[in-house]
C-alpha cells in the first residue's frame, strides 16, 4: 500500500511534534457547501493555534492521504461523487481508484498506519436502537477494539442506543473516560444520562494513560476520551427528546433501514430544530479538536 503522508505531517512525526488526525466525512457529507470547506479550514487552523499539525485524512483516486493540501481539501469539499468510506471500504477504493471521505473507522485505521496517536471527531458510531432485531452495530466499535489510537469525541450519536454501546465497548476492551466529567456525553447533549467509570482532568493525564497502554504491552485497542459539548452550546434537552422521538417514528413509518437510518435521523434533527442540532454538533467538534491538539502535545513531550 502506498500511504500518501503529506510532507508537513511526515516532518512533524519525524521531529516528534504533535499531530492530530481529522476525519473528512464531516467535510464531504456532514455539512452543506460552501460551509463545509470553511469549517474544514477552521478546524485545521484550531489545531495549529494549539501548536499541533492537522492531518485531515481522505482517499483520492485510490490513494490514502494523511494530511491534505489546499487543493485536496477543496476537492473533498466540492467534488461530486465523493464516496463515504469505512475501513472495510478501503481496499475496494484503493483497487478501483475511487475517491472517498473517511469515517471514524477508516480515519482511525489510516491514522494508526501512519503513526498518529491522537484523532479528533464529533461522535462515534455505536449500537443502534432495536439491535436485538436488526443486529445493526457500527464498524467503529470493532475497529477501535484493535487499533492503538486515542479518540477525542463527544460520546456517541444520541440517535443510538447509548447504554448498549457502552456495554459493547466494555466487552471489546476499549477504555472509556470522561474528560472533566463522570457522565458520558450525548453528542448534542453534555450528558447522555449514563455514567462513566473513569474521569480524566488534563491533557497530561490522558497522555499518562496512553503511556501506560504502551508499558502494559496489551493488545492494541483505543482510548476513548469523551469530551462533553459545553452546556451553553448544547441542544436544548427537551427539544432534543421531542424531535428525536418524532424522527424515530418518521423513520419507522418510511421503512428506512440499514445505513440509511443515521443520515435520515441526523437530517431530521437539523431540519426540525432549525439548525440548532448542527450548531451543537459543530460546537462539540471544535472543542474536541482543541483538546486533541493539547493531548497530542502532552503525548510528544516525553
Protein backbone atom coordinates (compact mmCIF):
# COMPACT_ATOMS: atom_id res chain seq x y z
CA UNK A 1 0.00 0.00 0.00
CA UNK A 2 1.17 3.48 -0.85
CA UNK A 3 0.17 5.69 2.09
CA UNK A 4 0.50 9.30 0.99
CA UNK A 5 1.65 11.20 4.08
CA UNK A 6 1.99 14.94 3.48
CA UNK A 7 5.42 16.50 3.87
CA UNK A 8 4.24 18.63 6.79
CA UNK A 9 2.86 15.62 8.68
CA UNK A 10 5.89 13.48 7.85
CA UNK A 11 8.29 16.13 9.13
CA UNK A 12 6.24 16.64 12.30
CA UNK A 13 6.22 12.92 13.05
CA UNK A 14 9.96 12.70 12.41
CA UNK A 15 10.63 15.58 14.78
CA UNK A 16 8.16 14.20 17.34
CA UNK A 17 5.93 17.23 17.12
CA UNK A 18 2.19 16.87 17.92
CA UNK A 19 -0.11 15.77 15.09
CA UNK A 20 -3.90 15.38 15.17
CA UNK A 21 -5.85 13.21 12.74
CA UNK A 22 -9.13 14.65 11.41
CA UNK A 23 -11.84 12.79 9.54
CA UNK A 24 -13.15 14.03 6.20
CA UNK A 25 -16.74 12.71 6.24
CA UNK A 26 -17.92 15.86 8.00
CA UNK A 27 -16.49 17.84 5.07
CA UNK A 28 -17.92 15.78 2.20
CA UNK A 29 -21.17 14.53 3.74
CA UNK A 30 -21.86 16.28 7.03
CA UNK A 31 -22.24 19.93 6.02
CA UNK A 32 -23.69 21.87 3.09
CA UNK A 33 -21.46 23.72 0.64
CA UNK A 34 -19.73 26.15 1.00
CA UNK A 35 -19.94 25.96 4.80
CA UNK A 36 -18.19 22.58 4.75
CA UNK A 37 -14.94 23.99 3.38
CA UNK A 38 -14.99 26.92 5.80
CA UNK A 39 -15.41 24.54 8.73
CA UNK A 40 -12.67 22.22 7.43
CA UNK A 41 -10.23 25.12 7.27
CA UNK A 42 -11.36 26.38 10.69
CA UNK A 43 -10.75 23.00 12.32
CA UNK A 44 -7.28 22.71 10.83
CA UNK A 45 -6.48 26.25 12.00
CA UNK A 46 -7.69 25.39 15.51
CA UNK A 47 -5.19 22.54 15.63
CA UNK A 48 -2.40 24.88 14.52
CA UNK A 49 -3.32 27.50 17.12
CA UNK A 50 -2.74 24.85 19.79
CA UNK A 51 0.75 24.17 18.41
CA UNK A 52 -0.05 20.92 16.59
CA UNK A 53 -0.17 19.85 12.95
CA UNK A 54 -3.55 18.87 11.43
CA UNK A 55 -3.74 15.69 9.35
CA UNK A 56 -7.07 15.55 7.56
CA UNK A 57 -7.47 12.07 6.05
CA UNK A 58 -9.16 11.02 2.81
CA UNK A 59 -8.73 8.68 -0.16
CA UNK A 60 -8.16 10.35 -3.53
CA UNK A 61 -8.00 8.36 -6.77
CA UNK A 62 -7.34 5.20 -4.81
CA UNK A 63 -4.53 6.69 -2.71
CA UNK A 64 -4.99 7.10 1.06
CA UNK A 65 -3.82 10.57 2.11
CA UNK A 66 -2.81 11.53 5.65
CA UNK A 67 -2.70 15.31 5.53
CA UNK A 68 -4.31 17.26 2.69
CA UNK A 69 -3.04 20.35 0.92
CA UNK A 70 -5.28 23.29 -0.02
CA UNK A 71 -6.36 21.86 -3.37
CA UNK A 72 -7.04 18.39 -1.97
CA UNK A 73 -9.15 19.79 0.85
CA UNK A 74 -11.16 21.81 -1.68
CA UNK A 75 -11.63 18.70 -3.79
CA UNK A 76 -13.07 16.71 -0.88
CA UNK A 77 -15.41 19.58 -0.06
CA UNK A 78 -16.62 20.36 -3.58
CA UNK A 79 -16.29 17.32 -5.83
CA UNK A 80 -19.46 15.42 -6.67
CA UNK A 81 -19.33 11.66 -6.25
CA UNK A 82 -17.01 11.59 -3.22
CA UNK A 83 -17.86 8.31 -1.51
CA UNK A 84 -18.23 7.64 2.21
CA UNK A 85 -15.59 5.10 3.25
CA UNK A 86 -15.47 2.93 6.33
CA UNK A 87 -12.40 0.80 7.00
CA UNK A 88 -13.95 -2.15 5.15
CA UNK A 89 -14.17 0.01 2.01
CA UNK A 90 -10.51 1.00 1.92
CA UNK A 91 -9.17 -1.95 -0.15
CA UNK A 92 -12.05 -1.61 -2.62
CA UNK A 93 -11.48 2.12 -3.02
CA UNK A 94 -7.75 1.62 -3.48
CA UNK A 95 -8.09 -1.15 -6.04
CA UNK A 96 -10.69 0.70 -8.12
CA UNK A 97 -9.10 4.16 -7.92
CA UNK A 98 -12.09 5.63 -6.10
CA UNK A 99 -12.15 8.82 -4.06
CA UNK A 100 -13.83 9.00 -0.69
CA UNK A 101 -14.13 10.75 2.63
CA UNK A 102 -13.19 8.65 5.64
CA UNK A 103 -15.48 7.81 8.54
CA UNK A 104 -14.26 7.24 12.11
CA UNK A 105 -13.19 3.65 11.41
CA UNK A 106 -11.31 4.41 8.20
CA UNK A 107 -9.71 7.54 9.64
CA UNK A 108 -8.54 5.69 12.75
CA UNK A 109 -7.12 2.85 10.65
CA UNK A 110 -5.14 5.10 8.30
CA UNK A 111 -4.01 7.40 11.11
CA UNK A 112 -2.62 4.46 13.07
CA UNK A 113 -0.86 3.11 9.98
CA UNK A 114 0.85 6.49 9.57
CA UNK A 115 1.98 6.52 13.20
CA UNK A 116 -0.50 9.08 14.55
CA UNK A 117 -1.76 8.58 18.10
CA UNK A 118 -4.49 11.22 18.51
CA UNK A 119 -7.68 11.64 16.50
CA UNK A 120 -10.48 14.20 16.94
CA UNK A 121 -14.03 13.65 15.72
CA UNK A 122 -17.60 14.61 16.61
CA UNK A 123 -19.38 11.49 17.80
CA UNK A 124 -18.68 7.78 17.46
CA UNK A 125 -20.92 5.24 15.84
CA UNK A 126 -22.31 2.54 18.09
CA UNK A 127 -25.07 0.06 18.72
CA UNK A 128 -28.32 1.04 17.03
CA UNK A 129 -31.69 1.02 18.71
CA UNK A 130 -33.57 -2.28 18.38
CA UNK A 131 -30.25 -4.05 17.97
CA UNK A 132 -31.78 -7.34 19.09
CA UNK A 133 -33.92 -7.25 15.96
CA UNK A 134 -31.64 -5.58 13.40
CA UNK A 135 -28.16 -6.61 14.65
CA UNK A 136 -27.06 -3.16 13.46
CA UNK A 137 -23.78 -2.07 15.03
CA UNK A 138 -21.29 0.48 13.74
CA UNK A 139 -17.99 -0.82 12.38
CA UNK A 140 -16.31 1.84 14.53
CA UNK A 141 -16.50 -0.32 17.64
CA UNK A 142 -14.65 -3.42 16.46
CA UNK A 143 -12.06 -1.35 14.61
CA UNK A 144 -11.31 0.68 17.75
CA UNK A 145 -11.01 -2.56 19.70
CA UNK A 146 -7.91 -3.44 17.68
CA UNK A 147 -6.38 -0.04 16.93
CA UNK A 148 -4.00 1.84 19.24
CA UNK A 149 -5.26 5.40 18.97
CA UNK A 150 -6.75 8.00 21.30
CA UNK A 151 -10.09 9.30 20.04
CA UNK A 152 -11.44 12.57 21.39
CA UNK A 153 -15.19 12.66 20.80
CA UNK A 154 -18.45 13.95 22.27
CA UNK A 155 -19.63 10.44 23.07
CA UNK A 156 -21.78 8.57 20.56
CA UNK A 157 -24.56 9.98 18.46
CA UNK A 158 -27.69 10.35 20.58
CA UNK A 159 -29.81 8.58 17.97
CA UNK A 160 -28.08 5.34 19.05
CA UNK A 161 -28.59 3.00 22.00
CA UNK A 162 -26.11 4.64 24.38
CA UNK A 163 -26.10 2.11 27.25
CA UNK A 164 -25.78 -0.80 24.81
CA UNK A 165 -22.87 0.97 23.12
CA UNK A 166 -21.08 1.49 26.44
CA UNK A 167 -21.61 -2.16 27.28
CA UNK A 168 -20.26 -3.19 23.89
CA UNK A 169 -17.15 -1.05 24.33
CA UNK A 170 -16.56 -2.71 27.70
CA UNK A 171 -16.94 -6.17 26.17
CA UNK A 172 -14.48 -5.28 23.41
CA UNK A 173 -11.93 -3.97 25.90
CA UNK A 174 -11.95 -0.35 24.75
CA UNK A 175 -11.05 2.10 27.53
CA UNK A 176 -13.52 4.96 28.03
CA UNK A 177 -13.03 8.04 30.22
CA UNK A 178 -14.98 11.25 30.60
CA UNK A 179 -12.94 14.42 30.27
CA UNK A 180 -13.69 16.58 33.31
CA UNK A 181 -16.93 14.67 33.91
CA UNK A 182 -18.21 11.40 35.31
CA UNK A 183 -21.08 11.40 32.82
CA UNK A 184 -20.95 10.07 29.28
CA UNK A 185 -21.72 12.86 26.79
CA UNK A 186 -24.64 12.56 24.40
CA UNK A 187 -23.16 14.21 21.28
CA UNK A 188 -25.66 17.10 21.07
CA UNK A 189 -26.03 16.96 24.86
CA UNK A 190 -23.44 17.38 27.61
CA UNK A 191 -24.93 14.39 29.47
CA UNK A 192 -26.43 11.30 27.86
CA UNK A 193 -27.86 10.24 31.21
CA UNK A 194 -25.31 7.48 31.69
CA UNK A 195 -22.17 7.43 33.89
CA UNK A 196 -18.59 6.55 33.05
CA UNK A 197 -16.26 4.73 35.42
CA UNK A 198 -13.23 6.95 34.87
CA UNK A 199 -12.63 10.70 34.72
CA UNK A 200 -9.52 12.39 33.35
CA UNK A 201 -8.87 16.04 34.09
CA UNK A 202 -5.94 17.21 31.96
CA UNK A 203 -4.18 16.51 28.64
CA UNK A 204 -1.18 15.33 30.65
CA UNK A 205 -3.29 12.77 32.46
CA UNK A 206 -4.63 11.46 29.14
CA UNK A 207 -1.06 11.17 27.87
CA UNK A 208 -0.14 9.23 31.02
CA UNK A 209 -2.88 6.72 30.21
CA UNK A 210 -1.52 6.40 26.67
CA UNK A 211 1.94 5.70 28.06
CA UNK A 212 0.51 3.12 30.45
CA UNK A 213 -1.09 1.37 27.48
CA UNK A 214 2.34 1.13 25.90
CA UNK A 215 4.00 -0.07 29.10
CA UNK A 216 1.48 -2.87 29.60
CA UNK A 217 2.12 -4.18 26.08
CA UNK A 218 -1.55 -5.09 25.99
CA UNK A 219 -3.35 -5.93 22.75
CA UNK A 220 -3.87 -2.81 20.70
CA UNK A 221 -7.11 -1.01 21.46
CA UNK A 222 -8.26 2.60 21.52
CA UNK A 223 -8.68 5.07 24.35
CA UNK A 224 -11.95 6.99 24.11
CA UNK A 225 -11.79 10.46 25.68
CA UNK A 226 -15.42 11.58 25.95
CA UNK A 227 -15.41 15.37 25.95
CA UNK A 228 -18.85 16.95 26.53
CA UNK A 229 -20.13 19.86 24.49
CA UNK A 230 -20.35 22.95 26.75
CA UNK A 231 -23.80 23.14 28.35
CA UNK A 232 -24.25 26.67 27.00
CA UNK A 233 -23.85 25.32 23.46
CA UNK A 234 -25.71 22.03 23.75
CA UNK A 235 -29.07 21.37 22.11
CA UNK A 236 -31.96 22.06 24.46
CA UNK A 237 -32.58 18.64 26.10
CA UNK A 238 -36.37 18.96 25.93
CA UNK A 239 -36.28 19.89 22.25
CA UNK A 240 -33.84 17.07 21.59
CA UNK A 241 -36.10 14.49 23.24
CA UNK A 242 -39.22 15.62 21.35
CA UNK A 243 -37.61 15.85 17.92
CA UNK A 244 -35.70 12.58 18.30
CA UNK A 245 -38.91 10.74 19.21
CA UNK A 246 -40.61 12.21 16.14
CA UNK A 247 -37.61 11.33 13.98
CA UNK A 248 -37.65 7.70 15.11
CA UNK A 249 -41.37 7.43 14.35
CA UNK A 250 -40.89 9.03 10.92
CA UNK A 251 -38.02 6.65 10.19
CA UNK A 252 -40.15 3.62 11.05
CA UNK A 253 -43.12 4.87 9.04
CA UNK A 254 -40.91 5.47 6.00
CA UNK A 255 -39.42 1.98 6.24
CA UNK A 256 -35.87 3.32 6.44
CA UNK A 257 -33.36 0.57 7.26
CA UNK A 258 -29.62 -0.17 7.40
CA UNK A 259 -27.07 2.51 6.60
CA UNK A 260 -29.83 4.94 5.59
CA UNK A 261 -31.09 5.27 9.19
CA UNK A 262 -28.33 7.51 10.56
CA UNK A 263 -28.34 10.15 7.79
CA UNK A 264 -32.16 10.19 7.85
CA UNK A 265 -32.30 10.82 11.60
CA UNK A 266 -29.50 13.41 11.61
CA UNK A 267 -31.10 15.31 8.74
CA UNK A 268 -34.47 15.21 10.50
CA UNK A 269 -32.91 16.68 13.63
CA UNK A 270 -31.27 19.51 11.69
CA UNK A 271 -34.48 20.41 9.89
CA UNK A 272 -36.80 20.19 12.88
CA UNK A 273 -34.54 22.07 15.31
CA UNK A 274 -33.99 24.92 12.82
CA UNK A 275 -30.31 24.04 12.61
CA UNK A 276 -29.73 24.04 16.37
CA UNK A 277 -28.58 20.40 16.32
CA UNK A 278 -25.96 21.24 13.70
CA UNK A 279 -24.73 24.17 15.78
CA UNK A 280 -24.34 21.87 18.80
CA UNK A 281 -22.55 19.31 16.62
CA UNK A 282 -20.04 21.91 15.42
CA UNK A 283 -19.51 23.24 18.96
CA UNK A 284 -18.66 19.71 20.07
CA UNK A 285 -16.26 19.14 17.17
CA UNK A 286 -14.47 22.43 17.80
CA UNK A 287 -13.94 21.58 21.44
CA UNK A 288 -12.74 18.08 20.59
CA UNK A 289 -10.21 19.37 18.08
CA UNK A 290 -8.71 21.80 20.56
CA UNK A 291 -8.49 19.17 23.29
CA UNK A 292 -6.98 16.62 20.90
CA UNK A 293 -4.23 19.07 19.97
CA UNK A 294 -3.39 19.61 23.64
CA UNK A 295 -3.32 15.85 24.26
CA UNK A 296 -1.05 15.35 21.25
CA UNK A 297 1.31 17.99 22.65
CA UNK A 298 1.36 16.29 26.05
CA UNK A 299 2.00 12.91 24.39
CA UNK A 300 5.03 14.17 22.48
CA UNK A 301 6.72 15.83 25.47
CA UNK A 302 8.38 12.63 26.66
